[in-house]
Amino acid sequence: IALYVPSLSLDELRQLEAEVMQLA
């Protein structure tokens, strides 16, 4: 995903993943 959305850092993606998983 970081390759397709390079404006977000891997840390930001990890945080976003955690938020998404909490809502699921």
mmCIF file of all heavy atoms, coordinates in Angstrom:
data_MODEL
# 
_entry.id   MODEL 
# 
loop_
_atom_site.group_PDB 
_atom_site.id 
_atom_site.type_symbol 
_atom_site.label_atom_id 
_atom_site.label_alt_id 
_atom_site.label_comp_id 
_atom_site.label_asym_id 
_atom_site.label_entity_id 
_atom_site.label_seq_id 
_atom_site.pdbx_PDB_ins_code 
_atom_site.Cartn_x 
_atom_site.Cartn_y 
_atom_site.Cartn_z 
_atom_site.occupancy 
_atom_site.B_iso_or_equiv 
_atom_site.pdbx_formal_charge 
_atom_site.auth_seq_id 
_atom_site.auth_comp_id 
_atom_site.auth_asym_id 
_atom_site.auth_atom_id 
_atom_site.pdbx_PDB_model_num 
ATOM 1   N N   . ILE A 1 1  ? 0.844   -1.200 0.000  1.00 0.00 ? 1  ILE A N   1 
ATOM 2   C CA  . ILE A 1 1  ? 0.000   0.000  0.000  1.00 0.00 ? 1  ILE A CA  1 
ATOM 3   C C   . ILE A 1 1  ? 0.873   1.240  0.000  1.00 0.00 ? 1  ILE A C   1 
ATOM 4   O O   . ILE A 1 1  ? 0.579   2.215  -0.688 1.00 0.00 ? 1  ILE A O   1 
ATOM 5   C CB  . ILE A 1 1  ? -0.967  -0.013 1.203  1.00 0.00 ? 1  ILE A CB  1 
ATOM 6   C CG1 . ILE A 1 1  ? -1.984  -1.152 1.044  1.00 0.00 ? 1  ILE A CG1 1 
ATOM 7   C CG2 . ILE A 1 1  ? -1.684  1.329  1.341  1.00 0.00 ? 1  ILE A CG2 1 
ATOM 8   C CD1 . ILE A 1 1  ? -2.863  -1.390 2.253  1.00 0.00 ? 1  ILE A CD1 1 
ATOM 9   N N   . ALA A 1 2  ? 1.967   1.195  0.734  1.00 0.00 ? 2  ALA A N   1 
ATOM 10  C CA  . ALA A 1 2  ? 2.893   2.338  0.787  1.00 0.00 ? 2  ALA A CA  1 
ATOM 11  C C   . ALA A 1 2  ? 3.451   2.668  -0.599 1.00 0.00 ? 2  ALA A C   1 
ATOM 12  O O   . ALA A 1 2  ? 3.736   3.824  -0.893 1.00 0.00 ? 2  ALA A O   1 
ATOM 13  C CB  . ALA A 1 2  ? 4.018   2.052  1.767  1.00 0.00 ? 2  ALA A CB  1 
ATOM 14  N N   . LEU A 1 3  ? 3.579   1.670  -1.457 1.00 0.00 ? 3  LEU A N   1 
ATOM 15  C CA  . LEU A 1 3  ? 4.048   1.922  -2.819 1.00 0.00 ? 3  LEU A CA  1 
ATOM 16  C C   . LEU A 1 3  ? 3.017   2.692  -3.629 1.00 0.00 ? 3  LEU A C   1 
ATOM 17  O O   . LEU A 1 3  ? 3.361   3.521  -4.468 1.00 0.00 ? 3  LEU A O   1 
ATOM 18  C CB  . LEU A 1 3  ? 4.367   0.602  -3.526 1.00 0.00 ? 3  LEU A CB  1 
ATOM 19  C CG  . LEU A 1 3  ? 5.544   -0.200 -2.977 1.00 0.00 ? 3  LEU A CG  1 
ATOM 20  C CD1 . LEU A 1 3  ? 5.620   -1.552 -3.680 1.00 0.00 ? 3  LEU A CD1 1 
ATOM 21  C CD2 . LEU A 1 3  ? 6.839   0.570  -3.150 1.00 0.00 ? 3  LEU A CD2 1 
ATOM 22  N N   . TYR A 1 4  ? 1.742   2.415  -3.378 1.00 0.00 ? 4  TYR A N   1 
ATOM 23  C CA  . TYR A 1 4  ? 0.663   3.070  -4.118 1.00 0.00 ? 4  TYR A CA  1 
ATOM 24  C C   . TYR A 1 4  ? 0.241   4.402  -3.511 1.00 0.00 ? 4  TYR A C   1 
ATOM 25  O O   . TYR A 1 4  ? -0.351  5.230  -4.186 1.00 0.00 ? 4  TYR A O   1 
ATOM 26  C CB  . TYR A 1 4  ? -0.558  2.148  -4.207 1.00 0.00 ? 4  TYR A CB  1 
ATOM 27  C CG  . TYR A 1 4  ? -0.313  0.940  -5.065 1.00 0.00 ? 4  TYR A CG  1 
ATOM 28  C CD1 . TYR A 1 4  ? -0.080  -0.309 -4.501 1.00 0.00 ? 4  TYR A CD1 1 
ATOM 29  C CD2 . TYR A 1 4  ? -0.299  1.041  -6.452 1.00 0.00 ? 4  TYR A CD2 1 
ATOM 30  C CE1 . TYR A 1 4  ? 0.165   -1.418 -5.292 1.00 0.00 ? 4  TYR A CE1 1 
ATOM 31  C CE2 . TYR A 1 4  ? -0.058  -0.068 -7.248 1.00 0.00 ? 4  TYR A CE2 1 
ATOM 32  C CZ  . TYR A 1 4  ? 0.177   -1.290 -6.660 1.00 0.00 ? 4  TYR A CZ  1 
ATOM 33  O OH  . TYR A 1 4  ? 0.415   -2.382 -7.444 1.00 0.00 ? 4  TYR A OH  1 
ATOM 34  N N   . VAL A 1 5  ? 0.520   4.567  -2.224 1.00 0.00 ? 5  VAL A N   1 
ATOM 35  C CA  . VAL A 1 5  ? 0.153   5.796  -1.514 1.00 0.00 ? 5  VAL A CA  1 
ATOM 36  C C   . VAL A 1 5  ? 1.413   6.328  -0.812 1.00 0.00 ? 5  VAL A C   1 
ATOM 37  O O   . VAL A 1 5  ? 1.522   6.285  0.408  1.00 0.00 ? 5  VAL A O   1 
ATOM 38  C CB  . VAL A 1 5  ? -0.983  5.537  -0.498 1.00 0.00 ? 5  VAL A CB  1 
ATOM 39  C CG1 . VAL A 1 5  ? -1.500  6.845  0.072  1.00 0.00 ? 5  VAL A CG1 1 
ATOM 40  C CG2 . VAL A 1 5  ? -2.122  4.756  -1.125 1.00 0.00 ? 5  VAL A CG2 1 
ATOM 41  N N   . PRO A 1 6  ? 2.373   6.816  -1.577 1.00 0.00 ? 6  PRO A N   1 
ATOM 42  C CA  . PRO A 1 6  ? 3.671   7.197  -0.999 1.00 0.00 ? 6  PRO A CA  1 
ATOM 43  C C   . PRO A 1 6  ? 3.632   8.428  -0.098 1.00 0.00 ? 6  PRO A C   1 
ATOM 44  O O   . PRO A 1 6  ? 4.586   8.666  0.647  1.00 0.00 ? 6  PRO A O   1 
ATOM 45  C CB  . PRO A 1 6  ? 4.541   7.467  -2.233 1.00 0.00 ? 6  PRO A CB  1 
ATOM 46  C CG  . PRO A 1 6  ? 3.581   7.805  -3.316 1.00 0.00 ? 6  PRO A CG  1 
ATOM 47  C CD  . PRO A 1 6  ? 2.340   7.007  -3.024 1.00 0.00 ? 6  PRO A CD  1 
ATOM 48  N N   . SER A 1 7  ? 2.544   9.167  -0.112 1.00 0.00 ? 7  SER A N   1 
ATOM 49  C CA  . SER A 1 7  ? 2.479   10.349 0.747  1.00 0.00 ? 7  SER A CA  1 
ATOM 50  C C   . SER A 1 7  ? 2.219   9.996  2.209  1.00 0.00 ? 7  SER A C   1 
ATOM 51  O O   . SER A 1 7  ? 2.346   10.850 3.082  1.00 0.00 ? 7  SER A O   1 
ATOM 52  C CB  . SER A 1 7  ? 1.408   11.316 0.247  1.00 0.00 ? 7  SER A CB  1 
ATOM 53  O OG  . SER A 1 7  ? 0.139   10.699 0.272  1.00 0.00 ? 7  SER A OG  1 
ATOM 54  N N   . LEU A 1 8  ? 1.870   8.730  2.488  1.00 0.00 ? 8  LEU A N   1 
ATOM 55  C CA  . LEU A 1 8  ? 1.679   8.274  3.865  1.00 0.00 ? 8  LEU A CA  1 
ATOM 56  C C   . LEU A 1 8  ? 2.855   7.401  4.273  1.00 0.00 ? 8  LEU A C   1 
ATOM 57  O O   . LEU A 1 8  ? 3.267   6.511  3.534  1.00 0.00 ? 8  LEU A O   1 
ATOM 58  C CB  . LEU A 1 8  ? 0.384   7.475  3.994  1.00 0.00 ? 8  LEU A CB  1 
ATOM 59  C CG  . LEU A 1 8  ? -0.916  8.204  3.678  1.00 0.00 ? 8  LEU A CG  1 
ATOM 60  C CD1 . LEU A 1 8  ? -2.094  7.257  3.829  1.00 0.00 ? 8  LEU A CD1 1 
ATOM 61  C CD2 . LEU A 1 8  ? -1.095  9.421  4.553  1.00 0.00 ? 8  LEU A CD2 1 
ATOM 62  N N   . SER A 1 9  ? 3.357   7.645  5.461  1.00 0.00 ? 9  SER A N   1 
ATOM 63  C CA  . SER A 1 9  ? 4.469   6.848  5.960  1.00 0.00 ? 9  SER A CA  1 
ATOM 64  C C   . SER A 1 9  ? 3.955   5.475  6.406  1.00 0.00 ? 9  SER A C   1 
ATOM 65  O O   . SER A 1 9  ? 2.751   5.278  6.624  1.00 0.00 ? 9  SER A O   1 
ATOM 66  C CB  . SER A 1 9  ? 5.144   7.548  7.138  1.00 0.00 ? 9  SER A CB  1 
ATOM 67  O OG  . SER A 1 9  ? 4.283   7.540  8.267  1.00 0.00 ? 9  SER A OG  1 
ATOM 68  N N   . LEU A 1 10 ? 4.866   4.555  6.564  1.00 0.00 ? 10 LEU A N   1 
ATOM 69  C CA  . LEU A 1 10 ? 4.496   3.221  7.028  1.00 0.00 ? 10 LEU A CA  1 
ATOM 70  C C   . LEU A 1 10 ? 3.898   3.297  8.430  1.00 0.00 ? 10 LEU A C   1 
ATOM 71  O O   . LEU A 1 10 ? 2.953   2.570  8.749  1.00 0.00 ? 10 LEU A O   1 
ATOM 72  C CB  . LEU A 1 10 ? 5.720   2.298  6.994  1.00 0.00 ? 10 LEU A CB  1 
ATOM 73  C CG  . LEU A 1 10 ? 5.465   0.814  6.958  1.00 0.00 ? 10 LEU A CG  1 
ATOM 74  C CD1 . LEU A 1 10 ? 4.462   0.415  5.896  1.00 0.00 ? 10 LEU A CD1 1 
ATOM 75  C CD2 . LEU A 1 10 ? 6.753   0.061  6.754  1.00 0.00 ? 10 LEU A CD2 1 
ATOM 76  N N   . ASP A 1 11 ? 4.414   4.198  9.260  1.00 0.00 ? 11 ASP A N   1 
ATOM 77  C CA  . ASP A 1 11 ? 3.842   4.387  10.597 1.00 0.00 ? 11 ASP A CA  1 
ATOM 78  C C   . ASP A 1 11 ? 2.399   4.878  10.518 1.00 0.00 ? 11 ASP A C   1 
ATOM 79  O O   . ASP A 1 11 ? 1.534   4.419  11.271 1.00 0.00 ? 11 ASP A O   1 
ATOM 80  C CB  . ASP A 1 11 ? 4.676   5.366  11.421 1.00 0.00 ? 11 ASP A CB  1 
ATOM 81  C CG  . ASP A 1 11 ? 5.994   4.758  11.879 1.00 0.00 ? 11 ASP A CG  1 
ATOM 82  O OD1 . ASP A 1 11 ? 6.088   3.515  11.966 1.00 0.00 ? 11 ASP A OD1 1 
ATOM 83  O OD2 . ASP A 1 11 ? 6.928   5.533  12.151 1.00 0.00 ? 11 ASP A OD2 1 
ATOM 84  N N   . GLU A 1 12 ? 2.122   5.819  9.603  1.00 0.00 ? 12 GLU A N   1 
ATOM 85  C CA  . GLU A 1 12 ? 0.758   6.304  9.420  1.00 0.00 ? 12 GLU A CA  1 
ATOM 86  C C   . GLU A 1 12 ? -0.154  5.182  8.945  1.00 0.00 ? 12 GLU A C   1 
ATOM 87  O O   . GLU A 1 12 ? -1.300  5.070  9.389  1.00 0.00 ? 12 GLU A O   1 
ATOM 88  C CB  . GLU A 1 12 ? 0.716   7.444  8.410  1.00 0.00 ? 12 GLU A CB  1 
ATOM 89  C CG  . GLU A 1 12 ? 1.264   8.753  8.918  1.00 0.00 ? 12 GLU A CG  1 
ATOM 90  C CD  . GLU A 1 12 ? 1.255   9.829  7.863  1.00 0.00 ? 12 GLU A CD  1 
ATOM 91  O OE1 . GLU A 1 12 ? 2.030   9.700  6.880  1.00 0.00 ? 12 GLU A OE1 1 
ATOM 92  O OE2 . GLU A 1 12 ? 0.474   10.783 8.007  1.00 0.00 ? 12 GLU A OE2 1 
ATOM 93  N N   . LEU A 1 13 ? 0.368   4.332  8.059  1.00 0.00 ? 13 LEU A N   1 
ATOM 94  C CA  . LEU A 1 13 ? -0.428  3.200  7.570  1.00 0.00 ? 13 LEU A CA  1 
ATOM 95  C C   . LEU A 1 13 ? -0.707  2.204  8.686  1.00 0.00 ? 13 LEU A C   1 
ATOM 96  O O   . LEU A 1 13 ? -1.813  1.666  8.770  1.00 0.00 ? 13 LEU A O   1 
ATOM 97  C CB  . LEU A 1 13 ? 0.282   2.519  6.398  1.00 0.00 ? 13 LEU A CB  1 
ATOM 98  C CG  . LEU A 1 13 ? 0.321   3.322  5.103  1.00 0.00 ? 13 LEU A CG  1 
ATOM 99  C CD1 . LEU A 1 13 ? 1.201   2.632  4.077  1.00 0.00 ? 13 LEU A CD1 1 
ATOM 100 C CD2 . LEU A 1 13 ? -1.078  3.547  4.557  1.00 0.00 ? 13 LEU A CD2 1 
ATOM 101 N N   . ARG A 1 14 ? 0.263   1.965  9.540  1.00 0.00 ? 14 ARG A N   1 
ATOM 102 C CA  . ARG A 1 14 ? 0.050   1.051  10.680 1.00 0.00 ? 14 ARG A CA  1 
ATOM 103 C C   . ARG A 1 14 ? -1.030  1.601  11.609 1.00 0.00 ? 14 ARG A C   1 
ATOM 104 O O   . ARG A 1 14 ? -1.889  0.857  12.087 1.00 0.00 ? 14 ARG A O   1 
ATOM 105 C CB  . ARG A 1 14 ? 1.348   0.851  11.444 1.00 0.00 ? 14 ARG A CB  1 
ATOM 106 C CG  . ARG A 1 14 ? 2.333   -0.028 10.741 1.00 0.00 ? 14 ARG A CG  1 
ATOM 107 C CD  . ARG A 1 14 ? 3.551   -0.330 11.614 1.00 0.00 ? 14 ARG A CD  1 
ATOM 108 N NE  . ARG A 1 14 ? 4.539   -1.048 10.856 1.00 0.00 ? 14 ARG A NE  1 
ATOM 109 C CZ  . ARG A 1 14 ? 5.732   -0.560 10.521 1.00 0.00 ? 14 ARG A CZ  1 
ATOM 110 N NH1 . ARG A 1 14 ? 6.104   0.638  10.928 1.00 0.00 ? 14 ARG A NH1 1 
ATOM 111 N NH2 . ARG A 1 14 ? 6.568   -1.284 9.816  1.00 0.00 ? 14 ARG A NH2 1 
ATOM 112 N N   . GLN A 1 15 ? -0.967  2.901  11.868 1.00 0.00 ? 15 GLN A N   1 
ATOM 113 C CA  . GLN A 1 15 ? -1.963  3.530  12.722 1.00 0.00 ? 15 GLN A CA  1 
ATOM 114 C C   . GLN A 1 15 ? -3.349  3.445  12.080 1.00 0.00 ? 15 GLN A C   1 
ATOM 115 O O   . GLN A 1 15 ? -4.328  3.131  12.751 1.00 0.00 ? 15 GLN A O   1 
ATOM 116 C CB  . GLN A 1 15 ? -1.587  4.984  12.979 1.00 0.00 ? 15 GLN A CB  1 
ATOM 117 C CG  . GLN A 1 15 ? -2.555  5.706  13.895 1.00 0.00 ? 15 GLN A CG  1 
ATOM 118 C CD  . GLN A 1 15 ? -2.161  7.152  14.128 1.00 0.00 ? 15 GLN A CD  1 
ATOM 119 O OE1 . GLN A 1 15 ? -1.179  7.641  13.589 1.00 0.00 ? 15 GLN A OE1 1 
ATOM 120 N NE2 . GLN A 1 15 ? -2.934  7.849  14.920 1.00 0.00 ? 15 GLN A NE2 1 
ATOM 121 N N   . LEU A 1 16 ? -3.417  3.706  10.803 1.00 0.00 ? 16 LEU A N   1 
ATOM 122 C CA  . LEU A 1 16 ? -4.685  3.617  10.085 1.00 0.00 ? 16 LEU A CA  1 
ATOM 123 C C   . LEU A 1 16 ? -5.231  2.198  10.101 1.00 0.00 ? 16 LEU A C   1 
ATOM 124 O O   . LEU A 1 16 ? -6.420  1.979  10.312 1.00 0.00 ? 16 LEU A O   1 
ATOM 125 C CB  . LEU A 1 16 ? -4.504  4.111  8.637  1.00 0.00 ? 16 LEU A CB  1 
ATOM 126 C CG  . LEU A 1 16 ? -5.749  4.170  7.774  1.00 0.00 ? 16 LEU A CG  1 
ATOM 127 C CD1 . LEU A 1 16 ? -6.816  5.073  8.391  1.00 0.00 ? 16 LEU A CD1 1 
ATOM 128 C CD2 . LEU A 1 16 ? -5.394  4.660  6.384  1.00 0.00 ? 16 LEU A CD2 1 
ATOM 129 N N   . GLU A 1 17 ? -4.347  1.220  9.921  1.00 0.00 ? 17 GLU A N   1 
ATOM 130 C CA  . GLU A 1 17 ? -4.766  -0.180 9.979  1.00 0.00 ? 17 GLU A CA  1 
ATOM 131 C C   . GLU A 1 17 ? -5.361  -0.512 11.341 1.00 0.00 ? 17 GLU A C   1 
ATOM 132 O O   . GLU A 1 17 ? -6.392  -1.182 11.437 1.00 0.00 ? 17 GLU A O   1 
ATOM 133 C CB  . GLU A 1 17 ? -3.587  -1.092 9.681  1.00 0.00 ? 17 GLU A CB  1 
ATOM 134 C CG  . GLU A 1 17 ? -3.950  -2.574 9.720  1.00 0.00 ? 17 GLU A CG  1 
ATOM 135 C CD  . GLU A 1 17 ? -2.757  -3.463 9.476  1.00 0.00 ? 17 GLU A CD  1 
ATOM 136 O OE1 . GLU A 1 17 ? -1.698  -3.237 10.115 1.00 0.00 ? 17 GLU A OE1 1 
ATOM 137 O OE2 . GLU A 1 17 ? -2.866  -4.386 8.667  1.00 0.00 ? 17 GLU A OE2 1 
ATOM 138 N N   . ALA A 1 18 ? -4.722  -0.036 12.406 1.00 0.00 ? 18 ALA A N   1 
ATOM 139 C CA  . ALA A 1 18 ? -5.233  -0.279 13.758 1.00 0.00 ? 18 ALA A CA  1 
ATOM 140 C C   . ALA A 1 18 ? -6.615  0.342  13.930 1.00 0.00 ? 18 ALA A C   1 
ATOM 141 O O   . ALA A 1 18 ? -7.520  -0.272 14.523 1.00 0.00 ? 18 ALA A O   1 
ATOM 142 C CB  . ALA A 1 18 ? -4.265  0.274  14.795 1.00 0.00 ? 18 ALA A CB  1 
ATOM 143 N N   . GLU A 1 19 ? -6.806  1.546  13.402 1.00 0.00 ? 19 GLU A N   1 
ATOM 144 C CA  . GLU A 1 19 ? -8.119  2.212  13.486 1.00 0.00 ? 19 GLU A CA  1 
ATOM 145 C C   . GLU A 1 19 ? -9.169  1.428  12.714 1.00 0.00 ? 19 GLU A C   1 
ATOM 146 O O   . GLU A 1 19 ? -10.282 1.242  13.203 1.00 0.00 ? 19 GLU A O   1 
ATOM 147 C CB  . GLU A 1 19 ? -8.007  3.633  12.926 1.00 0.00 ? 19 GLU A CB  1 
ATOM 148 C CG  . GLU A 1 19 ? -7.190  4.570  13.764 1.00 0.00 ? 19 GLU A CG  1 
ATOM 149 C CD  . GLU A 1 19 ? -6.934  5.900  13.079 1.00 0.00 ? 19 GLU A CD  1 
ATOM 150 O OE1 . GLU A 1 19 ? -7.611  6.226  12.072 1.00 0.00 ? 19 GLU A OE1 1 
ATOM 151 O OE2 . GLU A 1 19 ? -6.033  6.637  13.536 1.00 0.00 ? 19 GLU A OE2 1 
ATOM 152 N N   . VAL A 1 20 ? -8.825  0.959  11.532 1.00 0.00 ? 20 VAL A N   1 
ATOM 153 C CA  . VAL A 1 20 ? -9.758  0.203  10.698 1.00 0.00 ? 20 VAL A CA  1 
ATOM 154 C C   . VAL A 1 20 ? -10.142 -1.102 11.391 1.00 0.00 ? 20 VAL A C   1 
ATOM 155 O O   . VAL A 1 20 ? -11.314 -1.488 11.415 1.00 0.00 ? 20 VAL A O   1 
ATOM 156 C CB  . VAL A 1 20 ? -9.156  -0.060 9.293  1.00 0.00 ? 20 VAL A CB  1 
ATOM 157 C CG1 . VAL A 1 20 ? -9.988  -1.093 8.542  1.00 0.00 ? 20 VAL A CG1 1 
ATOM 158 C CG2 . VAL A 1 20 ? -9.069  1.229  8.509  1.00 0.00 ? 20 VAL A CG2 1 
ATOM 159 N N   . MET A 1 21 ? -9.165  -1.762 11.981 1.00 0.00 ? 21 MET A N   1 
ATOM 160 C CA  . MET A 1 21 ? -9.437  -3.047 12.639 1.00 0.00 ? 21 MET A CA  1 
ATOM 161 C C   . MET A 1 21 ? -10.297 -2.865 13.888 1.00 0.00 ? 21 MET A C   1 
ATOM 162 O O   . MET A 1 21 ? -11.095 -3.736 14.224 1.00 0.00 ? 21 MET A O   1 
ATOM 163 C CB  . MET A 1 21 ? -8.130  -3.745 13.015 1.00 0.00 ? 21 MET A CB  1 
ATOM 164 C CG  . MET A 1 21 ? -7.319  -4.160 11.809 1.00 0.00 ? 21 MET A CG  1 
ATOM 165 S SD  . MET A 1 21 ? -8.324  -5.137 10.678 1.00 0.00 ? 21 MET A SD  1 
ATOM 166 C CE  . MET A 1 21 ? -7.230  -5.315 9.326  1.00 0.00 ? 21 MET A CE  1 
ATOM 167 N N   . GLN A 1 22 ? -10.149 -1.721 14.563 1.00 0.00 ? 22 GLN A N   1 
ATOM 168 C CA  . GLN A 1 22 ? -10.987 -1.447 15.736 1.00 0.00 ? 22 GLN A CA  1 
ATOM 169 C C   . GLN A 1 22 ? -12.445 -1.276 15.343 1.00 0.00 ? 22 GLN A C   1 
ATOM 170 O O   . GLN A 1 22 ? -13.336 -1.672 16.076 1.00 0.00 ? 22 GLN A O   1 
ATOM 171 C CB  . GLN A 1 22 ? -10.514 -0.172 16.436 1.00 0.00 ? 22 GLN A CB  1 
ATOM 172 C CG  . GLN A 1 22 ? -9.552  -0.403 17.545 1.00 0.00 ? 22 GLN A CG  1 
ATOM 173 C CD  . GLN A 1 22 ? -9.257  0.889  18.301 1.00 0.00 ? 22 GLN A CD  1 
ATOM 174 O OE1 . GLN A 1 22 ? -9.526  1.979  17.812 1.00 0.00 ? 22 GLN A OE1 1 
ATOM 175 N NE2 . GLN A 1 22 ? -8.685  0.750  19.475 1.00 0.00 ? 22 GLN A NE2 1 
ATOM 176 N N   . LEU A 1 23 ? -12.659 -0.670 14.185 1.00 0.00 ? 23 LEU A N   1 
ATOM 177 C CA  . LEU A 1 23 ? -14.033 -0.412 13.737 1.00 0.00 ? 23 LEU A CA  1 
ATOM 178 C C   . LEU A 1 23 ? -14.701 -1.644 13.171 1.00 0.00 ? 23 LEU A C   1 
ATOM 179 O O   . LEU A 1 23 ? -15.927 -1.692 13.082 1.00 0.00 ? 23 LEU A O   1 
ATOM 180 C CB  . LEU A 1 23 ? -14.035 0.706  12.684 1.00 0.00 ? 23 LEU A CB  1 
ATOM 181 C CG  . LEU A 1 23 ? -13.561 2.086  13.173 1.00 0.00 ? 23 LEU A CG  1 
ATOM 182 C CD1 . LEU A 1 23 ? -13.482 3.055  11.998 1.00 0.00 ? 23 LEU A CD1 1 
ATOM 183 C CD2 . LEU A 1 23 ? -14.486 2.616  14.245 1.00 0.00 ? 23 LEU A CD2 1 
ATOM 184 N N   . ALA A 1 24 ? -13.917 -2.633 12.794 1.00 0.00 ? 24 ALA A N   1 
ATOM 185 C CA  . ALA A 1 24 ? -14.478 -3.839 12.164 1.00 0.00 ? 24 ALA A CA  1 
ATOM 186 C C   . ALA A 1 24 ? -15.163 -4.735 13.154 1.00 0.00 ? 24 ALA A C   1 
ATOM 187 O O   . ALA A 1 24 ? -15.126 -4.706 14.284 1.00 0.00 ? 24 ALA A O   1 
ATOM 188 C CB  . ALA A 1 24 ? -13.362 -4.609 11.459 1.00 0.00 ? 24 ALA A CB  1 
# 
